[in-house]
């Protein structure tokens, strides 16, 4: 039952567009929408932060449902949003 609820819920959502950083502040994960298909697909990009520089670890294409599942898992592991700045239009 929970799986069906999650599937219905995730089908109404867009691909996440958020950056998360781990509690040690040495890894960054960026969820980025695909410009050609922003509702259904995008990329997850892992960066390693060494001093003040970022180094790409890998970039992978994910569907919307897998991205939301990964986002939930990372938040449960203690990752927090990076650059939580409220922008006003």
Protein backbone atom coordinates (compact mmCIF):
# COMPACT_ATOMS: atom_id res chain seq x y z
CA UNK A 1 0.00 0.00 0.00
CA UNK A 2 2.81 2.42 0.87
CA UNK A 3 4.49 1.77 -2.47
CA UNK A 4 1.29 2.62 -4.35
CA UNK A 5 0.92 5.83 -2.35
CA UNK A 6 4.54 6.78 -3.06
CA UNK A 7 4.11 6.08 -6.77
CA UNK A 8 0.96 8.21 -6.99
CA UNK A 9 2.65 10.98 -5.01
CA UNK A 10 5.85 10.92 -7.05
CA UNK A 11 4.01 11.01 -10.38
CA UNK A 12 2.55 14.41 -9.50
CA UNK A 13 5.98 15.87 -8.69
CA UNK A 14 8.54 17.44 -10.97
CA UNK A 15 12.17 16.38 -11.03
CA UNK A 16 13.88 17.83 -7.94
CA UNK A 17 16.11 20.85 -8.42
CA UNK A 18 18.12 21.00 -5.20
CA UNK A 19 21.65 20.77 -3.83
CA UNK A 20 22.51 18.77 -0.70
CA UNK A 21 25.68 18.76 1.38
CA UNK A 22 26.76 16.12 3.90
CA UNK A 23 27.36 16.83 7.58
CA UNK A 24 31.14 16.85 7.12
CA UNK A 25 30.84 19.55 4.40
CA UNK A 26 33.11 17.59 2.05
CA UNK A 27 30.59 16.18 -0.45
CA UNK A 28 27.92 17.93 -2.49
CA UNK A 29 25.07 16.33 -4.44
CA UNK A 30 23.24 18.35 -7.07
CA UNK A 31 19.91 17.29 -8.58
CA UNK A 32 19.58 19.07 -11.92
CA UNK A 33 16.68 18.92 -14.37
CA UNK A 34 17.30 17.88 -17.96
CA UNK A 35 16.51 20.91 -20.11
CA UNK A 36 15.02 18.70 -22.84
CA UNK A 37 12.72 16.78 -20.46
CA UNK A 38 12.53 18.74 -17.16
CA UNK A 39 9.40 17.01 -15.83
CA UNK A 40 10.59 13.42 -16.05
CA UNK A 41 14.39 13.21 -16.19
CA UNK A 42 17.50 14.89 -14.93
CA UNK A 43 20.95 14.34 -13.53
CA UNK A 44 22.43 13.64 -10.14
CA UNK A 45 25.91 15.08 -9.83
CA UNK A 46 28.32 14.17 -7.02
CA UNK A 47 31.08 16.62 -6.12
CA UNK A 48 33.91 16.28 -3.63
CA UNK A 49 34.95 19.49 -1.88
CA UNK A 50 38.68 19.75 -1.26
CA UNK A 51 39.56 22.95 0.61
CA UNK A 52 37.71 25.58 -1.44
CA UNK A 53 37.65 23.66 -4.75
CA UNK A 54 35.05 21.24 -6.10
CA UNK A 55 36.03 18.09 -7.98
CA UNK A 56 33.51 16.12 -10.04
CA UNK A 57 33.12 12.54 -8.86
CA UNK A 58 30.41 11.45 -11.32
CA UNK A 59 27.23 12.52 -13.11
CA UNK A 60 24.34 10.14 -13.77
CA UNK A 61 20.95 10.44 -15.47
CA UNK A 62 17.96 9.54 -13.26
CA UNK A 63 14.22 9.34 -13.73
CA UNK A 64 11.95 11.49 -11.56
CA UNK A 65 10.88 8.61 -9.29
CA UNK A 66 14.45 7.38 -8.69
CA UNK A 67 15.60 10.94 -8.03
CA UNK A 68 12.89 11.49 -5.41
CA UNK A 69 13.75 8.18 -3.73
CA UNK A 70 17.46 9.10 -3.67
CA UNK A 71 16.62 12.57 -2.31
CA UNK A 72 14.57 11.06 0.53
CA UNK A 73 17.35 8.56 1.33
CA UNK A 74 20.02 11.28 1.44
CA UNK A 75 17.88 13.47 3.72
CA UNK A 76 17.32 10.51 6.05
CA UNK A 77 21.12 10.05 6.18
CA UNK A 78 21.53 13.63 7.42
CA UNK A 79 22.29 15.53 4.23
CA UNK A 80 21.01 19.12 4.31
CA UNK A 81 20.11 21.64 1.63
CA UNK A 82 22.99 23.78 0.48
CA UNK A 83 22.42 27.48 -0.18
CA UNK A 84 19.04 27.74 1.51
CA UNK A 85 18.43 31.27 0.32
CA UNK A 86 14.85 32.31 -0.23
CA UNK A 87 14.73 34.22 -3.49
CA UNK A 88 12.01 36.76 -3.98
CA UNK A 89 10.75 37.49 -7.48
